[in-house]
Amino acid sequence: MVPLLHAVAAHAIPPQALTQLARDWLREDTPNFDPAGVCVGSGDVVARLFCKMAGSILAGGPFFTAVFTELGCTVNWLFPEAAEMGPDGITLVAEVRGPARCLLLGERPALNCLARASGIATRCARLRAMAAAAGWHGEVAGTRKTTPGFRLVEKYAMLVGGASMHRQDLSGMAMLKDNHVWASGSITKAVQATRTVCGLTSKIEVECGSTEEACEAAAAGADIVMLDNLPPRELHAAALLLKQRFPALLVEASGGVTPENLPQYFGPHVDIISLGCVTQGCPVVDFSLKVQKPSCVPRGPARGAVAAADRGLP
């Protein structure tokens, strides 16, 4: 069953943003003529979208659809957003219909987006499953380490996968890192100066490399302290001390956290664990879009998947 919150995350995407992104991607990929469009023409065709990695989480459907809508094509999804695809090695996910040359114009931009978003959502879902299995109820979060021009897609994919987006951009929350502190003169000065413009609408988070720095940040009025690159044992001791002294403080662990060592950071006094690997170095999901020939009988490994999917079509 698809978690409701994850499935409706698309409702948070502004429609105009979808349209603008689709147009930008298409303009980048076809800035001038499309010579190959001559050989296929504008006759209507049907293409089938296959996922070739069982157990993957589907994410990025709104962006995929937006690309083809911009080209006058329609998409019929066989799986909802946030669904796990499989268990077969090749799964029919959707059908795209429209003029041949237009469908092929959208193929690569749409697939690139879907592959990247689904890869991020799949990783986030697995990290959340690890937290649930350990009985930890904090937030697994991404970071601002996103691809320039592609942040909306990547942050959306985190939501679909069940992770927190963390701050979306520099305007979303004030995060004071070591460079801010060094340029300001001290943690206290940095927090106090930032508070003058944050008011009650924005939280302030401070990156701290020790328990002493974290206590200074909390005493200065920080809402969140990030314990950065602390070994797990030191991290949990620091988190306990901070919660005892500042009960309302949120404690975040970050730096050096990977899917392999994530369980070491679960603890009763840690509220957030952020990982750059949610976006950086995250594997993509392999999708393929295949135009169907009239009365075509599939060959090879796709035959069984297509036949099985066809039985489920309305």
C-alpha atoms as a PDB file:
ATOM      1  CA  MET A   1       0.000   0.000   0.000  1.00  0.00           C
ATOM      2  CA  VAL A   2       1.342   3.456  -0.907  1.00  0.00           C
ATOM      3  CA  PRO A   3       1.679   5.801   2.129  1.00  0.00           C
ATOM      4  CA  LEU A   4      -0.817   8.634   1.599  1.00  0.00           C
ATOM      5  CA  LEU A   5       1.610  11.451   2.431  1.00  0.00           C
ATOM      6  CA  HIS A   6       4.183  10.207  -0.062  1.00  0.00           C
ATOM      7  CA  ALA A   7       1.649   9.599  -2.813  1.00  0.00           C
ATOM      8  CA  VAL A   8       0.204  13.119  -2.692  1.00  0.00           C
ATOM      9  CA  ALA A   9       3.534  14.934  -2.489  1.00  0.00           C
ATOM     10  CA  ALA A  10       2.937  15.986  -6.105  1.00  0.00           C
ATOM     11  CA  HIS A  11       0.240  18.368  -4.867  1.00  0.00           C
ATOM     12  CA  ALA A  12       3.005  20.551  -3.428  1.00  0.00           C
ATOM     13  CA  ILE A  13       4.574  21.183  -6.848  1.00  0.00           C
ATOM     14  CA  PRO A  14       3.443  24.501  -8.397  1.00  0.00           C
ATOM     15  CA  PRO A  15       1.984  23.756 -11.871  1.00  0.00           C
ATOM     16  CA  GLN A  16       3.895  26.645 -13.422  1.00  0.00           C
ATOM     17  CA  ALA A  17       7.149  25.151 -12.134  1.00  0.00           C
ATOM     18  CA  LEU A  18       6.385  21.854 -13.883  1.00  0.00           C
ATOM     19  CA  THR A  19       5.680  23.639 -17.151  1.00  0.00           C
ATOM     20  CA  GLN A  20       8.794  25.815 -16.957  1.00  0.00           C
ATOM     21  CA  LEU A  21      11.093  22.905 -16.126  1.00  0.00           C
ATOM     22  CA  ALA A  22       9.674  20.811 -18.968  1.00  0.00           C
ATOM     23  CA  ARG A  23      10.213  23.648 -21.431  1.00  0.00           C
ATOM     24  CA  ASP A  24      13.756  24.262 -20.210  1.00  0.00           C
ATOM     25  CA  TRP A  25      14.713  20.589 -20.488  1.00  0.00           C
ATOM     26  CA  LEU A  26      13.259  20.296 -23.981  1.00  0.00           C
ATOM     27  CA  ARG A  27      14.952  23.498 -25.108  1.00  0.00           C
ATOM     28  CA  GLU A  28      18.286  22.263 -23.788  1.00  0.00           C
ATOM     29  CA  ASP A  29      17.971  18.922 -25.574  1.00  0.00           C
ATOM     30  CA  THR A  30      16.671  20.302 -28.892  1.00  0.00           C
ATOM     31  CA  PRO A  31      17.890  23.893 -29.285  1.00  0.00           C
ATOM     32  CA  ASN A  32      17.491  23.854 -33.082  1.00  0.00           C
ATOM     33  CA  PHE A  33      16.314  21.287 -35.650  1.00  0.00           C
ATOM     34  CA  ASP A  34      15.551  17.646 -34.885  1.00  0.00           C
ATOM     35  CA  PRO A  35      16.846  15.897 -38.029  1.00  0.00           C
ATOM     36  CA  ALA A  36      15.747  12.450 -36.845  1.00  0.00           C
ATOM     37  CA  GLY A  37      12.165  13.684 -36.617  1.00  0.00           C
ATOM     38  CA  VAL A  38      11.961  13.585 -40.408  1.00  0.00           C
ATOM     39  CA  CYS A  39      12.141   9.797 -40.544  1.00  0.00           C
ATOM     40  CA  VAL A  40       9.358   9.162 -38.035  1.00  0.00           C
ATOM     41  CA  GLY A  41       6.856  11.905 -38.868  1.00  0.00           C
ATOM     42  CA  SER A  42       3.828  12.915 -36.816  1.00  0.00           C
ATOM     43  CA  GLY A  43       1.680   9.793 -36.963  1.00  0.00           C
ATOM     44  CA  ASP A  44       0.307   8.633 -33.613  1.00  0.00           C
ATOM     45  CA  VAL A  45       2.254   5.883 -31.857  1.00  0.00           C
ATOM     46  CA  VAL A  46       2.199   4.128 -28.496  1.00  0.00           C
ATOM     47  CA  ALA A  47       5.314   3.657 -26.366  1.00  0.00           C
ATOM     48  CA  ARG A  48       5.602   1.478 -23.281  1.00  0.00           C
ATOM     49  CA  LEU A  49       7.608   2.532 -20.236  1.00  0.00           C
ATOM     50  CA  PHE A  50       9.427  -0.322 -18.497  1.00  0.00           C
ATOM     51  CA  CYS A  51      11.269  -0.373 -15.182  1.00  0.00           C
ATOM     52  CA  LYS A  52      14.149  -2.825 -15.262  1.00  0.00           C
ATOM     53  CA  MET A  53      15.053  -2.807 -11.550  1.00  0.00           C
ATOM     54  CA  ALA A  54      12.669  -4.710  -9.266  1.00  0.00           C
ATOM     55  CA  GLY A  55      11.946  -3.207  -5.872  1.00  0.00           C
ATOM     56  CA  SER A  56      12.441   0.385  -7.008  1.00  0.00           C
ATOM     57  CA  ILE A  57      10.203   3.235  -5.839  1.00  0.00           C
ATOM     58  CA  LEU A  58       8.462   5.215  -8.576  1.00  0.00           C
ATOM     59  CA  ALA A  59       9.080   8.964  -8.309  1.00  0.00           C
ATOM     60  CA  GLY A  60       9.086  11.818 -10.783  1.00  0.00           C
ATOM     61  CA  GLY A  61       5.838  11.022 -12.547  1.00  0.00           C
ATOM     62  CA  PRO A  62       4.585  14.634 -12.531  1.00  0.00           C
ATOM     63  CA  PHE A  63       7.765  15.812 -14.257  1.00  0.00           C
ATOM     64  CA  PHE A  64       7.709  12.929 -16.744  1.00  0.00           C
ATOM     65  CA  THR A  65       4.082  13.734 -17.593  1.00  0.00           C
ATOM     66  CA  ALA A  66       4.810  17.471 -17.856  1.00  0.00           C
ATOM     67  CA  VAL A  67       7.433  16.853 -20.536  1.00  0.00           C
ATOM     68  CA  PHE A  68       5.042  14.858 -22.699  1.00  0.00           C
ATOM     69  CA  THR A  69       2.110  17.185 -22.056  1.00  0.00           C
ATOM     70  CA  GLU A  70       4.226  20.027 -23.408  1.00  0.00           C
ATOM     71  CA  LEU A  71       4.647  17.976 -26.605  1.00  0.00           C
ATOM     72  CA  GLY A  72       0.979  17.074 -27.040  1.00  0.00           C
ATOM     73  CA  CYS A  73       1.342  13.488 -25.769  1.00  0.00           C
ATOM     74  CA  THR A  74      -0.593  11.684 -23.038  1.00  0.00           C
ATOM     75  CA  VAL A  75       0.672   9.371 -20.298  1.00  0.00           C
ATOM     76  CA  ASN A  76      -1.334   6.549 -18.709  1.00  0.00           C
ATOM     77  CA  TRP A  77       0.289   5.374 -15.478  1.00  0.00           C
ATOM     78  CA  LEU A  78      -0.185   1.784 -14.337  1.00  0.00           C
ATOM     79  CA  PHE A  79       1.455   2.439 -10.954  1.00  0.00           C
ATOM     80  CA  PRO A  80       0.822   5.362  -8.592  1.00  0.00           C
ATOM     81  CA  GLU A  81       3.590   7.662  -7.448  1.00  0.00           C
ATOM     82  CA  ALA A  82       5.570   6.218  -4.501  1.00  0.00           C
ATOM     83  CA  ALA A  83       4.644   2.627  -5.422  1.00  0.00           C
ATOM     84  CA  GLU A  84       7.228  -0.135  -5.306  1.00  0.00           C
ATOM     85  CA  MET A  85       7.695  -1.642  -8.766  1.00  0.00           C
ATOM     86  CA  GLY A  86       8.191  -5.334  -9.298  1.00  0.00           C
ATOM     87  CA  PRO A  87       8.602  -8.099  -8.338  1.00  0.00           C
ATOM     88  CA  ASP A  88       9.443  -9.013 -11.952  1.00  0.00           C
ATOM     89  CA  GLY A  89      12.800  -7.961 -13.354  1.00  0.00           C
ATOM     90  CA  ILE A  90      10.993  -5.975 -16.051  1.00  0.00           C
ATOM     91  CA  THR A  91       7.767  -4.190 -15.148  1.00  0.00           C
ATOM     92  CA  LEU A  92       5.407  -2.264 -17.411  1.00  0.00           C
ATOM     93  CA  VAL A  93       4.891   1.067 -15.663  1.00  0.00           C
ATOM     94  CA  ALA A  94       3.084   3.359 -18.113  1.00  0.00           C
ATOM     95  CA  GLU A  95       2.044   3.971 -21.727  1.00  0.00           C
ATOM     96  CA  VAL A  96       2.737   7.159 -23.663  1.00  0.00           C
ATOM     97  CA  ARG A  97       0.680   8.086 -26.742  1.00  0.00           C
ATOM     98  CA  GLY A  98       1.214  10.867 -29.235  1.00  0.00           C
ATOM     99  CA  PRO A  99       2.850  11.994 -32.500  1.00  0.00           C
ATOM    100  CA  ALA A 100       5.972   9.925 -33.118  1.00  0.00           C
ATOM    101  CA  ARG A 101       8.422  12.789 -33.512  1.00  0.00           C
ATOM    102  CA  CYS A 102       7.047  14.561 -30.426  1.00  0.00           C
ATOM    103  CA  LEU A 103       7.146  11.420 -28.307  1.00  0.00           C
ATOM    104  CA  LEU A 104      10.781  10.866 -29.246  1.00  0.00           C
ATOM    105  CA  LEU A 105      11.637  14.488 -28.517  1.00  0.00           C
ATOM    106  CA  GLY A 106      10.496  13.978 -24.948  1.00  0.00           C
ATOM    107  CA  GLU A 107      11.952  10.508 -24.432  1.00  0.00           C
ATOM    108  CA  ARG A 108      15.377  11.340 -23.041  1.00  0.00           C
ATOM    109  CA  PRO A 109      14.534  14.384 -20.875  1.00  0.00           C
ATOM    110  CA  ALA A 110      11.587  12.526 -19.350  1.00  0.00           C
ATOM    111  CA  LEU A 111      13.565   9.337 -18.718  1.00  0.00           C
ATOM    112  CA  ASN A 112      16.503  11.236 -17.209  1.00  0.00           C
ATOM    113  CA  CYS A 113      14.180  12.903 -14.719  1.00  0.00           C
ATOM    114  CA  LEU A 114      12.312   9.715 -13.826  1.00  0.00           C
ATOM    115  CA  ALA A 115      15.502   7.672 -13.388  1.00  0.00           C
ATOM    116  CA  ARG A 116      17.101  10.239 -11.095  1.00  0.00           C
ATOM    117  CA  ALA A 117      14.003  10.914  -9.001  1.00  0.00           C
ATOM    118  CA  SER A 118      13.190   7.212  -8.601  1.00  0.00           C
ATOM    119  CA  GLY A 119      16.777   6.475  -7.553  1.00  0.00           C
ATOM    120  CA  ILE A 120      16.629   9.093  -4.803  1.00  0.00           C
ATOM    121  CA  ALA A 121      13.189   7.954  -3.631  1.00  0.00           C
ATOM    122  CA  THR A 122      14.346   4.332  -3.550  1.00  0.00           C
ATOM    123  CA  ARG A 123      17.369   5.174  -1.422  1.00  0.00           C
ATOM    124  CA  CYS A 124      15.272   7.321   0.936  1.00  0.00           C
ATOM    125  CA  ALA A 125      12.667   4.574   1.326  1.00  0.00           C
ATOM    126  CA  ARG A 126      15.371   2.070   2.253  1.00  0.00           C
ATOM    127  CA  LEU A 127      16.916   4.440   4.787  1.00  0.00           C
ATOM    128  CA  ARG A 128      13.502   5.069   6.337  1.00  0.00           C
ATOM    129  CA  ALA A 129      12.913   1.307   6.498  1.00  0.00           C
ATOM    130  CA  MET A 130      16.189   0.919   8.403  1.00  0.00           C
ATOM    131  CA  ALA A 131      15.058   3.560  10.900  1.00  0.00           C
ATOM    132  CA  ALA A 132      11.683   1.888  11.339  1.00  0.00           C
ATOM    133  CA  ALA A 133      13.283  -1.527  11.851  1.00  0.00           C
ATOM    134  CA  ALA A 134      15.486  -0.060  14.588  1.00  0.00           C
ATOM    135  CA  GLY A 135      12.523   1.629  16.271  1.00  0.00           C
ATOM    136  CA  TRP A 136      14.017   5.096  15.730  1.00  0.00           C
ATOM    137  CA  HIS A 137      11.405   7.806  15.154  1.00  0.00           C
ATOM    138  CA  GLY A 138      13.534  10.774  14.108  1.00  0.00           C
ATOM    139  CA  GLU A 139      13.896  12.381  10.683  1.00  0.00           C
ATOM    140  CA  VAL A 140      16.128  10.951   7.971  1.00  0.00           C
ATOM    141  CA  ALA A 141      16.978  14.022   5.906  1.00  0.00           C
ATOM    142  CA  GLY A 142      18.658  15.046   2.694  1.00  0.00           C
ATOM    143  CA  THR A 143      20.889  18.084   2.284  1.00  0.00           C
ATOM    144  CA  ARG A 144      21.392  21.064  -0.037  1.00  0.00           C
ATOM    145  CA  LYS A 145      23.936  19.011  -2.005  1.00  0.00           C
ATOM    146  CA  THR A 146      21.718  18.900  -5.070  1.00  0.00           C
ATOM    147  CA  THR A 147      22.240  19.216  -8.829  1.00  0.00           C
ATOM    148  CA  PRO A 148      22.077  22.871  -9.991  1.00  0.00           C
ATOM    149  CA  GLY A 149      18.790  23.480 -11.794  1.00  0.00           C
ATOM    150  CA  PHE A 150      17.369  20.130 -10.656  1.00  0.00           C
ATOM    151  CA  ARG A 151      16.755  20.777  -6.961  1.00  0.00           C
ATOM    152  CA  LEU A 152      12.960  20.794  -7.126  1.00  0.00           C
ATOM    153  CA  VAL A 153      12.969  17.290  -8.609  1.00  0.00           C
ATOM    154  CA  GLU A 154      15.490  15.950  -6.118  1.00  0.00           C
ATOM    155  CA  LYS A 155      13.803  17.480  -3.067  1.00  0.00           C
ATOM    156  CA  TYR A 156      10.447  16.168  -4.285  1.00  0.00           C
ATOM    157  CA  ALA A 157      11.957  12.685  -4.662  1.00  0.00           C
ATOM    158  CA  MET A 158      13.079  12.786  -1.038  1.00  0.00           C
ATOM    159  CA  LEU A 159       9.478  13.407   0.011  1.00  0.00           C
ATOM    160  CA  VAL A 160       8.207  10.541  -2.120  1.00  0.00           C
ATOM    161  CA  GLY A 161      10.785   8.241  -0.539  1.00  0.00           C
ATOM    162  CA  GLY A 162       9.679   9.250   2.954  1.00  0.00           C
ATOM    163  CA  ALA A 163      12.683  11.401   3.912  1.00  0.00           C
ATOM    164  CA  SER A 164      12.782  15.005   5.058  1.00  0.00           C
ATOM    165  CA  MET A 165      13.897  17.583   2.487  1.00  0.00           C
ATOM    166  CA  HIS A 166      15.770  19.552   5.183  1.00  0.00           C
ATOM    167  CA  ARG A 167      16.040  23.205   4.074  1.00  0.00           C
ATOM    168  CA  GLN A 168      15.120  23.744   0.446  1.00  0.00           C
ATOM    169  CA  ASP A 169      17.424  26.722  -0.116  1.00  0.00           C
ATOM    170  CA  LEU A 170      19.301  29.475   1.706  1.00  0.00           C
ATOM    171  CA  SER A 171      16.055  31.358   2.321  1.00  0.00           C
ATOM    172  CA  GLY A 172      14.290  28.444   3.957  1.00  0.00           C
ATOM    173  CA  MET A 173      16.281  28.295   7.183  1.00  0.00           C
ATOM    174  CA  ALA A 174      19.408  29.968   8.507  1.00  0.00           C
ATOM    175  CA  MET A 175      22.204  27.444   8.832  1.00  0.00           C
ATOM    176  CA  LEU A 176      25.390  28.862  10.330  1.00  0.00           C
ATOM    177  CA  LYS A 177      28.370  26.768   9.304  1.00  0.00           C
ATOM    178  CA  ASP A 178      32.010  27.083  10.333  1.00  0.00           C
ATOM    179  CA  ASN A 179      32.700  29.750   7.718  1.00  0.00           C
ATOM    180  CA  HIS A 180      29.868  31.918   9.045  1.00  0.00           C
ATOM    181  CA  VAL A 181      31.164  31.561  12.585  1.00  0.00           C
ATOM    182  CA  TRP A 182      34.755  32.344  11.653  1.00  0.00           C
ATOM    183  CA  ALA A 183      33.686  35.389   9.637  1.00  0.00           C
ATOM    184  CA  SER A 184      31.456  36.623  12.488  1.00  0.00           C
ATOM    185  CA  GLY A 185      33.961  36.096  15.270  1.00  0.00           C
ATOM    186  CA  SER A 186      32.022  33.623  17.423  1.00  0.00           C
ATOM    187  CA  ILE A 187      28.997  31.355  17.480  1.00  0.00           C
ATOM    188  CA  THR A 188      27.157  33.702  19.820  1.00  0.00           C
ATOM    189  CA  LYS A 189      27.720  36.735  17.603  1.00  0.00           C
ATOM    190  CA  ALA A 190      26.648  34.805  14.509  1.00  0.00           C
ATOM    191  CA  VAL A 191      23.403  33.585  16.123  1.00  0.00           C
ATOM    192  CA  GLN A 192      22.513  36.964  17.582  1.00  0.00           C
ATOM    193  CA  ALA A 193      23.105  38.810  14.306  1.00  0.00           C
ATOM    194  CA  THR A 194      21.108  36.278  12.316  1.00  0.00           C
ATOM    195  CA  ARG A 195      18.202  36.370  14.769  1.00  0.00           C
ATOM    196  CA  THR A 196      17.670  40.073  14.011  1.00  0.00           C
ATOM    197  CA  VAL A 197      16.414  39.186  10.521  1.00  0.00           C
ATOM    198  CA  CYS A 198      14.907  35.721  11.139  1.00  0.00           C
ATOM    199  CA  GLY A 199      12.263  36.869  13.594  1.00  0.00           C
ATOM    200  CA  LEU A 200       9.704  34.177  14.326  1.00  0.00           C
ATOM    201  CA  THR A 201       9.436  32.799  10.784  1.00  0.00           C
ATOM    202  CA  SER A 202      12.775  30.995  10.382  1.00  0.00           C
ATOM    203  CA  LYS A 203      14.707  28.572  12.536  1.00  0.00           C
ATOM    204  CA  ILE A 204      18.429  28.961  13.117  1.00  0.00           C
ATOM    205  CA  GLU A 205      20.707  25.931  12.950  1.00  0.00           C
ATOM    206  CA  VAL A 206      24.384  25.943  13.880  1.00  0.00           C
ATOM    207  CA  GLU A 207      26.985  23.462  12.710  1.00  0.00           C
ATOM    208  CA  CYS A 208      29.089  22.405  15.709  1.00  0.00           C
ATOM    209  CA  GLY A 209      32.219  20.310  15.942  1.00  0.00           C
ATOM    210  CA  SER A 210      32.152  19.707  19.690  1.00  0.00           C
ATOM    211  CA  THR A 211      29.878  19.564  22.710  1.00  0.00           C
ATOM    212  CA  GLU A 212      31.207  22.927  23.853  1.00  0.00           C
ATOM    213  CA  GLU A 213      30.300  24.607  20.568  1.00  0.00           C
ATOM    214  CA  ALA A 214      26.841  23.021  20.647  1.00  0.00           C
ATOM    215  CA  CYS A 215      26.189  24.319  24.158  1.00  0.00           C
ATOM    216  CA  GLU A 216      27.278  27.815  23.129  1.00  0.00           C
ATOM    217  CA  ALA A 217      24.953  27.716  20.124  1.00  0.00           C
ATOM    218  CA  ALA A 218      21.999  26.531  22.202  1.00  0.00           C
ATOM    219  CA  ALA A 219      22.636  29.135  24.894  1.00  0.00           C
ATOM    220  CA  ALA A 220      22.771  31.837  22.194  1.00  0.00           C
ATOM    221  CA  GLY A 221      19.300  30.866  20.981  1.00  0.00           C
ATOM    222  CA  ALA A 222      19.826  28.359  18.187  1.00  0.00           C
ATOM    223  CA  ASP A 223      16.806  26.158  17.438  1.00  0.00           C
ATOM    224  CA  ILE A 224      18.847  23.256  16.034  1.00  0.00           C
ATOM    225  CA  VAL A 225      22.441  22.181  16.525  1.00  0.00           C
ATOM    226  CA  MET A 226      24.163  19.974  13.995  1.00  0.00           C
ATOM    227  CA  LEU A 227      26.772  17.737  15.562  1.00  0.00           C
ATOM    228  CA  ASP A 228      29.095  17.448  12.605  1.00  0.00           C
ATOM    229  CA  ASN A 229      31.526  14.568  12.084  1.00  0.00           C
ATOM    230  CA  LEU A 230      31.362  13.336  15.675  1.00  0.00           C
ATOM    231  CA  PRO A 231      31.998   9.611  16.185  1.00  0.00           C
ATOM    232  CA  PRO A 232      28.761   7.858  17.198  1.00  0.00           C
ATOM    233  CA  ARG A 233      29.735   7.299  20.836  1.00  0.00           C
ATOM    234  CA  GLU A 234      30.738  10.959  21.298  1.00  0.00           C
ATOM    235  CA  LEU A 235      27.659  12.044  19.362  1.00  0.00           C
ATOM    236  CA  HIS A 236      25.210  10.238  21.639  1.00  0.00           C
ATOM    237  CA  ALA A 237      26.916  11.515  24.800  1.00  0.00           C
ATOM    238  CA  ALA A 238      26.759  15.082  23.469  1.00  0.00           C
ATOM    239  CA  ALA A 239      23.116  14.687  22.442  1.00  0.00           C
ATOM    240  CA  LEU A 240      22.176  13.454  25.930  1.00  0.00           C
ATOM    241  CA  LEU A 241      23.905  16.417  27.586  1.00  0.00           C
ATOM    242  CA  LEU A 242      22.252  18.899  25.230  1.00  0.00           C
ATOM    243  CA  LYS A 243      18.770  17.480  25.810  1.00  0.00           C
ATOM    244  CA  GLN A 244      19.289  17.616  29.566  1.00  0.00           C
ATOM    245  CA  ARG A 245      20.320  21.280  29.452  1.00  0.00           C
ATOM    246  CA  PHE A 246      18.113  22.444  26.562  1.00  0.00           C
ATOM    247  CA  PRO A 247      15.039  20.160  26.346  1.00  0.00           C
ATOM    248  CA  ALA A 248      13.437  22.042  23.411  1.00  0.00           C
ATOM    249  CA  LEU A 249      16.590  21.923  21.296  1.00  0.00           C
ATOM    250  CA  LEU A 250      16.631  19.777  18.153  1.00  0.00           C
ATOM    251  CA  VAL A 251      19.792  17.729  17.680  1.00  0.00           C
ATOM    252  CA  GLU A 252      20.979  16.755  14.208  1.00  0.00           C
ATOM    253  CA  ALA A 253      23.747  14.299  13.341  1.00  0.00           C
ATOM    254  CA  SER A 254      25.627  14.760  10.091  1.00  0.00           C
ATOM    255  CA  GLY A 255      28.981  14.192   8.462  1.00  0.00           C
ATOM    256  CA  GLY A 256      30.272  10.825   7.368  1.00  0.00           C
ATOM    257  CA  VAL A 257      26.868   9.130   7.591  1.00  0.00           C
ATOM    258  CA  THR A 258      26.331   6.435   4.945  1.00  0.00           C
ATOM    259  CA  PRO A 259      23.660   3.778   4.347  1.00  0.00           C
ATOM    260  CA  GLU A 260      26.097   1.244   5.801  1.00  0.00           C
ATOM    261  CA  ASN A 261      26.768   3.007   9.119  1.00  0.00           C
ATOM    262  CA  LEU A 262      23.405   4.768   9.538  1.00  0.00           C
ATOM    263  CA  PRO A 263      22.206   2.478  12.376  1.00  0.00           C
ATOM    264  CA  GLN A 264      25.127   3.645  14.525  1.00  0.00           C
ATOM    265  CA  TYR A 265      23.589   7.144  14.601  1.00  0.00           C
ATOM    266  CA  PHE A 266      20.128   6.104  15.776  1.00  0.00           C
ATOM    267  CA  GLY A 267      19.645   7.217  19.354  1.00  0.00           C
ATOM    268  CA  PRO A 268      16.928   8.491  21.719  1.00  0.00           C
ATOM    269  CA  HIS A 269      18.397  12.011  21.843  1.00  0.00           C
ATOM    270  CA  VAL A 270      19.079  12.445  18.117  1.00  0.00           C
ATOM    271  CA  ASP A 271      16.178  14.060  16.270  1.00  0.00           C
ATOM    272  CA  ILE A 272      17.571  14.308  12.718  1.00  0.00           C
ATOM    273  CA  ILE A 273      20.185  12.458  10.690  1.00  0.00           C
ATOM    274  CA  SER A 274      21.172  14.093   7.400  1.00  0.00           C
ATOM    275  CA  LEU A 275      23.043  12.365   4.587  1.00  0.00           C
ATOM    276  CA  GLY A 276      24.571  13.911   1.475  1.00  0.00           C
ATOM    277  CA  CYS A 277      24.493  10.503  -0.221  1.00  0.00           C
ATOM    278  CA  VAL A 278      20.727  10.871  -0.626  1.00  0.00           C
ATOM    279  CA  THR A 279      21.577  12.894  -3.741  1.00  0.00           C
ATOM    280  CA  GLN A 280      25.339  12.684  -4.254  1.00  0.00           C
ATOM    281  CA  GLY A 281      26.383   9.372  -5.759  1.00  0.00           C
ATOM    282  CA  CYS A 282      22.871   7.967  -5.547  1.00  0.00           C
ATOM    283  CA  PRO A 283      22.216   5.172  -8.107  1.00  0.00           C
ATOM    284  CA  VAL A 284      19.513   5.825 -10.688  1.00  0.00           C
ATOM    285  CA  VAL A 285      16.687   3.446 -11.592  1.00  0.00           C
ATOM    286  CA  ASP A 286      16.871   1.941 -15.077  1.00  0.00           C
ATOM    287  CA  PHE A 287      13.845   2.748 -17.238  1.00  0.00           C
ATOM    288  CA  SER A 288      13.270   2.143 -20.937  1.00  0.00           C
ATOM    289  CA  LEU A 289      10.658   3.629 -23.299  1.00  0.00           C
ATOM    290  CA  LYS A 290       9.859   1.471 -26.320  1.00  0.00           C
ATOM    291  CA  VAL A 291       7.665   2.485 -29.267  1.00  0.00           C
ATOM    292  CA  GLN A 292       5.389  -0.393 -30.216  1.00  0.00           C
ATOM    293  CA  LYS A 293       5.087  -1.577 -33.805  1.00  0.00           C
ATOM    294  CA  PRO A 294       1.552  -2.343 -34.981  1.00  0.00           C
ATOM    295  CA  SER A 295       0.739  -5.996 -34.126  1.00  0.00           C
ATOM    296  CA  CYS A 296       4.219  -6.323 -32.664  1.00  0.00           C
ATOM    297  CA  VAL A 297       4.969  -9.501 -30.684  1.00  0.00           C
ATOM    298  CA  PRO A 298       7.647  -8.703 -28.065  1.00  0.00           C
ATOM    299  CA  ARG A 299      10.749 -10.848 -28.055  1.00  0.00           C
ATOM    300  CA  GLY A 300      13.322 -11.638 -25.432  1.00  0.00           C
ATOM    301  CA  PRO A 301      12.991 -10.918 -21.703  1.00  0.00           C
ATOM    302  CA  ALA A 302      10.298  -8.282 -22.166  1.00  0.00           C
ATOM    303  CA  ARG A 303       7.759 -10.800 -23.537  1.00  0.00           C
ATOM    304  CA  GLY A 304       6.609 -12.087 -20.158  1.00  0.00           C
ATOM    305  CA  ALA A 305       6.508  -8.663 -18.547  1.00  0.00           C
ATOM    306  CA  VAL A 306       4.446  -7.175 -21.369  1.00  0.00           C
ATOM    307  CA  ALA A 307       2.018 -10.083 -21.399  1.00  0.00           C
ATOM    308  CA  ALA A 308       1.557  -9.917 -17.644  1.00  0.00           C
ATOM    309  CA  ALA A 309       1.095  -6.154 -17.700  1.00  0.00           C
ATOM    310  CA  ASP A 310      -1.351  -6.350 -20.579  1.00  0.00           C
ATOM    311  CA  ARG A 311      -3.575  -8.631 -18.527  1.00  0.00           C
ATOM    312  CA  GLY A 312      -3.841  -5.888 -15.925  1.00  0.00           C
ATOM    313  CA  LEU A 313      -4.704  -3.086 -18.364  1.00  0.00           C
ATOM    314  CA  PRO A 314      -8.269  -1.786 -18.279  1.00  0.00           C
END
